[in-house]
């Protein structure tokens, strides 16, 4: 088998950095690297990464532990992401025409000009033809990229963390009535496989042990899986998610709290853009 680069997921949050490296083998995915480090609780502000000598030193030290060539995927906070969907045109558009259509739609749907937006889009045909737009402020994205570059880190993929959680859920092949919850220090993410129009999202704050908020947000879910980047009490009726169990090959030492690496694993599993 030809040499496969490590696919590395980097999840930076207020209070915690988690990273995971995996490599494709004949029998599936092999865990090659994991790393975590405490961060200040003001590392992110409204989704913008705050540069500091301490953060740069941590990232530079981590970079030295990795091979020279990697495929790096970095999580982008949902607080800095704008998403909308709209029906696709009735006529079949070429890629360049679809791109112009997406840009024009973004200027209409988001409160920013095209030059201020970093825009991504994808079209789906089932259950109904729709175009999904994902955007962020260009200035916030460039700030992230500049700080990472100072540490010698050049991402191949920038993925919203809601999407990383969805990739874990897709890998688990959850039932349509299941829900996947991931708690962070100041917000929580959710994924519902049975709702294509709004398969994932986020909510500020911390879930309570018996949360009415959860029932209101996910009224159709019956089977809950839970993980957390922080020390969090398992909610009533939930099952603990062990994300590393989705890998086929691991060798100790392994992290004591595998749930911290849910988003890092989803990022590592994320395919590169074609």
Protein backbone atom coordinates (compact mmCIF):
# COMPACT_ATOMS: atom_id res chain seq x y z
CA UNK A 1 0.00 0.00 0.00
CA UNK A 2 1.29 3.46 -0.86
CA UNK A 3 2.31 5.69 2.00
CA UNK A 4 -0.68 7.51 3.47
CA UNK A 5 -0.23 10.87 5.16
CA UNK A 6 -1.53 11.29 8.65
CA UNK A 7 -4.93 12.99 8.69
CA UNK A 8 -4.77 15.32 11.69
CA UNK A 9 -7.76 17.00 13.34
CA UNK A 10 -7.11 20.10 15.46
CA UNK A 11 -9.90 21.28 17.80
CA UNK A 12 -9.18 24.58 19.58
CA UNK A 13 -11.72 25.64 22.21
CA UNK A 14 -11.91 27.95 25.18
CA UNK A 15 -10.10 26.03 27.91
CA UNK A 16 -8.84 23.08 25.85
CA UNK A 17 -6.93 22.06 22.73
CA UNK A 18 -7.34 18.51 21.42
CA UNK A 19 -5.61 16.97 18.41
CA UNK A 20 -5.78 13.54 16.83
CA UNK A 21 -3.81 11.93 14.00
CA UNK A 22 -5.03 8.88 12.08
CA UNK A 23 -3.69 6.91 9.13
CA UNK A 24 -5.56 4.68 6.70
CA UNK A 25 -4.59 1.01 6.77
CA UNK A 26 -5.88 -2.06 4.94
CA UNK A 27 -8.24 -2.91 7.79
CA UNK A 28 -9.41 0.66 8.50
CA UNK A 29 -8.10 3.62 10.49
CA UNK A 30 -5.10 3.49 12.81
CA UNK A 31 -4.63 5.95 15.66
CA UNK A 32 -1.14 7.44 15.25
CA UNK A 33 -1.19 10.45 17.55
CA UNK A 34 -3.22 12.22 20.21
CA UNK A 35 -2.46 15.35 22.18
CA UNK A 36 -4.28 17.72 24.48
CA UNK A 37 -3.36 20.88 26.34
CA UNK A 38 -5.20 23.31 28.60
CA UNK A 39 -5.83 26.78 27.17
CA UNK A 40 -7.10 30.05 28.68
CA UNK A 41 -10.86 30.45 28.72
CA UNK A 42 -10.60 33.57 26.53
CA UNK A 43 -8.74 31.86 23.67
CA UNK A 44 -11.78 32.44 21.43
CA UNK A 45 -13.88 35.59 21.37
CA UNK A 46 -17.07 35.37 19.27
CA UNK A 47 -15.29 32.75 17.18
CA UNK A 48 -12.12 34.80 16.60
CA UNK A 49 -8.86 33.15 17.69
CA UNK A 50 -6.92 35.39 20.08
CA UNK A 51 -3.18 35.31 19.45
CA UNK A 52 -0.81 35.20 22.42
CA UNK A 53 2.83 34.12 22.94
CA UNK A 54 1.59 31.25 25.12
CA UNK A 55 -0.77 29.91 22.44
CA UNK A 56 1.90 30.17 19.75
CA UNK A 57 4.38 28.32 21.94
CA UNK A 58 1.88 25.51 22.55
CA UNK A 59 1.09 25.15 18.84
CA UNK A 60 4.76 25.26 17.84
CA UNK A 61 5.63 22.59 20.41
CA UNK A 62 2.81 20.40 19.12
CA UNK A 63 3.87 20.85 15.48
CA UNK A 64 7.30 19.41 16.30
CA UNK A 65 5.65 16.13 17.38
CA UNK A 66 4.12 15.57 13.92
CA UNK A 67 5.61 14.32 10.65
CA UNK A 68 6.81 16.98 8.24
CA UNK A 69 3.96 16.26 5.81
CA UNK A 70 0.43 15.89 7.16
CA UNK A 71 -3.12 16.60 6.04
CA UNK A 72 -4.34 19.10 8.64
CA UNK A 73 -8.02 19.77 9.28
CA UNK A 74 -8.92 22.56 11.71
CA UNK A 75 -12.25 23.10 13.46
CA UNK A 76 -13.94 26.48 13.01
CA UNK A 77 -16.29 27.71 15.77
CA UNK A 78 -20.02 27.86 15.02
CA UNK A 79 -20.24 31.34 16.58
CA UNK A 80 -18.34 32.64 13.52
CA UNK A 81 -20.29 30.66 10.91
CA UNK A 82 -23.35 31.73 8.93
CA UNK A 83 -25.37 29.06 7.09
CA UNK A 84 -28.40 29.24 4.82
CA UNK A 85 -30.00 27.03 2.21
CA UNK A 86 -32.09 27.82 -0.84
CA UNK A 87 -33.63 25.92 -3.75
CA UNK A 88 -31.27 25.22 -6.62
CA UNK A 89 -32.10 26.73 -10.00
CA UNK A 90 -34.35 24.66 -12.23
CA UNK A 91 -31.70 24.70 -14.94
CA UNK A 92 -28.61 22.52 -14.56
CA UNK A 93 -25.67 24.87 -13.94
CA UNK A 94 -21.98 24.28 -14.62
CA UNK A 95 -19.64 24.65 -11.65
CA UNK A 96 -18.55 28.19 -12.58
CA UNK A 97 -22.19 29.27 -13.06
CA UNK A 98 -23.18 27.63 -9.78
CA UNK A 99 -20.39 29.53 -8.07
CA UNK A 100 -21.67 32.85 -9.39
CA UNK A 101 -25.20 31.91 -8.35
CA UNK A 102 -23.98 31.03 -4.83
CA UNK A 103 -22.05 34.31 -4.52
CA UNK A 104 -25.04 36.36 -5.62
CA UNK A 105 -27.28 34.48 -3.18
CA UNK A 106 -24.80 34.99 -0.34
CA UNK A 107 -24.77 38.77 -0.87
CA UNK A 108 -28.54 38.73 -0.65
CA UNK A 109 -28.82 36.40 2.37
CA UNK A 110 -25.87 37.48 4.54
CA UNK A 111 -25.28 40.99 5.93
CA UNK A 112 -21.86 41.32 4.23
CA UNK A 113 -20.51 42.05 0.77
CA UNK A 114 -18.89 39.33 -1.31
CA UNK A 115 -15.41 40.74 -0.58
CA UNK A 116 -16.05 40.46 3.17
CA UNK A 117 -17.19 36.83 2.98
CA UNK A 118 -15.33 33.55 2.89
CA UNK A 119 -17.93 31.36 1.17
CA UNK A 120 -18.34 27.63 0.66
CA UNK A 121 -21.31 25.86 -0.87
CA UNK A 122 -22.55 22.42 -1.88
CA UNK A 123 -25.60 21.24 -3.78
CA UNK A 124 -27.77 18.26 -2.85
CA UNK A 125 -30.49 16.60 -4.89
CA UNK A 126 -32.22 14.52 -2.17
CA UNK A 127 -34.79 14.81 -0.73
CA UNK A 128 -35.22 18.12 -2.64
CA UNK A 129 -32.65 19.96 -4.80
CA UNK A 130 -31.09 22.64 -2.58
CA UNK A 131 -27.94 24.71 -2.35
CA UNK A 132 -26.33 24.98 1.08
CA UNK A 133 -24.22 28.07 1.79
CA UNK A 134 -21.64 28.30 4.57
CA UNK A 135 -19.94 31.65 5.15
CA UNK A 136 -17.69 33.42 7.61
CA UNK A 137 -16.15 36.85 7.83
CA UNK A 138 -13.02 36.86 5.71
CA UNK A 139 -11.20 38.85 8.43
CA UNK A 140 -11.94 36.21 11.11
CA UNK A 141 -10.86 33.34 8.86
CA UNK A 142 -7.64 35.12 7.86
CA UNK A 143 -6.87 35.78 11.53
CA UNK A 144 -7.10 32.04 12.24
CA UNK A 145 -4.93 31.18 9.25
CA UNK A 146 -2.28 33.78 10.15
CA UNK A 147 -1.90 32.51 13.72
CA UNK A 148 -1.70 28.88 12.56
CA UNK A 149 0.88 29.80 9.92
CA UNK A 150 3.09 31.39 12.58
CA UNK A 151 3.16 27.97 14.25
CA UNK A 152 4.01 26.21 11.00
CA UNK A 153 0.47 24.85 10.53
CA UNK A 154 -1.16 25.10 7.10
CA UNK A 155 -4.66 23.56 7.04
CA UNK A 156 -5.92 21.59 4.07
CA UNK A 157 -9.46 21.93 5.41
CA UNK A 158 -11.27 24.41 7.65
CA UNK A 159 -14.45 22.70 8.88
CA UNK A 160 -17.18 24.06 11.17
CA UNK A 161 -17.19 21.99 14.34
CA UNK A 162 -20.88 21.16 13.85
CA UNK A 163 -19.82 19.42 10.64
CA UNK A 164 -17.08 17.52 12.47
CA UNK A 165 -19.64 16.20 14.95
CA UNK A 166 -21.91 15.19 12.05
CA UNK A 167 -19.06 13.19 10.51
CA UNK A 168 -18.69 11.23 13.76
CA UNK A 169 -22.44 10.58 13.75
CA UNK A 170 -22.34 9.45 10.12
CA UNK A 171 -19.47 7.08 10.90
CA UNK A 172 -21.52 5.65 13.80
CA UNK A 173 -24.46 5.08 11.40
CA UNK A 174 -26.94 6.34 13.93
CA UNK A 175 -30.62 5.62 13.57
CA UNK A 176 -32.96 8.39 12.41
CA UNK A 177 -34.27 8.78 15.98
CA UNK A 178 -30.82 9.14 17.52
CA UNK A 179 -29.02 12.33 18.53
CA UNK A 180 -25.36 13.03 19.20
CA UNK A 181 -24.49 15.73 21.78
CA UNK A 182 -21.06 17.22 22.46
CA UNK A 183 -20.62 19.59 25.41
CA UNK A 184 -17.96 22.32 25.37
CA UNK A 185 -17.08 24.86 28.05
CA UNK A 186 -19.49 27.54 26.82
CA UNK A 187 -21.77 25.87 24.24
CA UNK A 188 -22.96 22.48 23.05
CA UNK A 189 -23.26 20.91 19.61
CA UNK A 190 -25.93 18.52 18.33
CA UNK A 191 -26.37 16.23 15.36
CA UNK A 192 -29.58 14.56 14.14
CA UNK A 193 -29.18 12.08 11.25
CA UNK A 194 -32.90 12.04 10.50
CA UNK A 195 -33.17 15.78 9.73
CA UNK A 196 -31.37 16.62 6.46
CA UNK A 197 -32.50 20.25 6.46
CA UNK A 198 -30.92 20.97 9.85
CA UNK A 199 -28.74 17.98 10.65
CA UNK A 200 -26.46 19.80 13.09
CA UNK A 201 -26.27 22.97 15.13
CA UNK A 202 -25.15 24.59 18.36
CA UNK A 203 -26.64 26.17 21.47
CA UNK A 204 -24.86 28.52 23.93
CA UNK A 205 -24.40 27.45 27.54
CA UNK A 206 -24.13 24.15 29.38
CA UNK A 207 -26.82 21.49 29.44
CA UNK A 208 -28.34 20.72 32.81
CA UNK A 209 -28.60 17.14 34.06
CA UNK A 210 -32.31 16.97 33.25
CA UNK A 211 -32.56 19.52 30.47
CA UNK A 212 -35.87 20.86 29.19
CA UNK A 213 -33.77 22.79 26.69
CA UNK A 214 -32.62 19.51 25.15
CA UNK A 215 -36.18 18.28 24.70
CA UNK A 216 -37.19 21.57 23.09
CA UNK A 217 -34.17 21.63 20.76
CA UNK A 218 -34.37 17.96 19.74
CA UNK A 219 -38.02 16.94 20.25
CA UNK A 220 -37.93 13.95 17.90
CA UNK A 221 -34.80 12.30 19.30
CA UNK A 222 -35.25 9.16 21.36
CA UNK A 223 -31.71 7.74 21.62
CA UNK A 224 -29.03 10.12 22.93
CA UNK A 225 -25.24 9.79 22.79
CA UNK A 226 -23.08 12.21 24.77
CA UNK A 227 -19.44 13.33 24.88
CA UNK A 228 -17.69 16.40 26.24
CA UNK A 229 -14.49 18.43 26.00
CA UNK A 230 -14.85 19.26 29.67
CA UNK A 231 -15.69 17.39 32.83
CA UNK A 232 -19.45 17.08 32.47
CA UNK A 233 -22.05 14.94 34.14
CA UNK A 234 -23.72 12.44 31.84
CA UNK A 235 -27.29 13.56 31.26
CA UNK A 236 -30.15 11.36 32.35
CA UNK A 237 -30.99 8.73 29.74
CA UNK A 238 -27.88 9.31 27.64
CA UNK A 239 -25.19 6.87 26.55
CA UNK A 240 -21.52 7.87 26.79
CA UNK A 241 -19.80 8.14 23.42
CA UNK A 242 -16.36 6.55 23.10
CA UNK A 243 -15.21 8.08 19.78
CA UNK A 244 -11.93 6.17 19.59
CA UNK A 245 -13.93 2.92 19.33
CA UNK A 246 -14.64 3.98 15.73
CA UNK A 247 -10.97 3.34 14.89
CA UNK A 248 -9.79 -0.14 13.98
CA UNK A 249 -6.24 -0.03 15.37
CA UNK A 250 -4.91 1.57 18.57
CA UNK A 251 -1.96 1.08 20.86
CA UNK A 252 -1.56 2.36 24.42
CA UNK A 253 -1.11 4.77 26.00
CA UNK A 254 -4.60 6.03 25.20
CA UNK A 255 -6.30 9.16 26.58
CA UNK A 256 -8.13 8.71 29.86
CA UNK A 257 -11.13 10.69 28.59
CA UNK A 258 -11.71 9.76 24.97
CA UNK A 259 -14.82 11.95 24.72
CA UNK A 260 -12.60 15.02 24.61
CA UNK A 261 -11.46 13.93 21.15
CA UNK A 262 -14.87 13.63 19.47
CA UNK A 263 -14.45 16.77 17.36
CA UNK A 264 -10.76 16.13 16.65
CA UNK A 265 -11.70 12.69 15.34
CA UNK A 266 -14.49 14.10 13.16
CA UNK A 267 -12.02 16.60 11.71
CA UNK A 268 -9.43 13.90 11.05
CA UNK A 269 -12.02 11.73 9.30
CA UNK A 270 -13.19 14.60 7.09
CA UNK A 271 -12.35 13.98 3.39
CA UNK A 272 -10.33 16.57 1.55
CA UNK A 273 -12.18 18.81 -0.86
CA UNK A 274 -12.04 17.63 -4.46
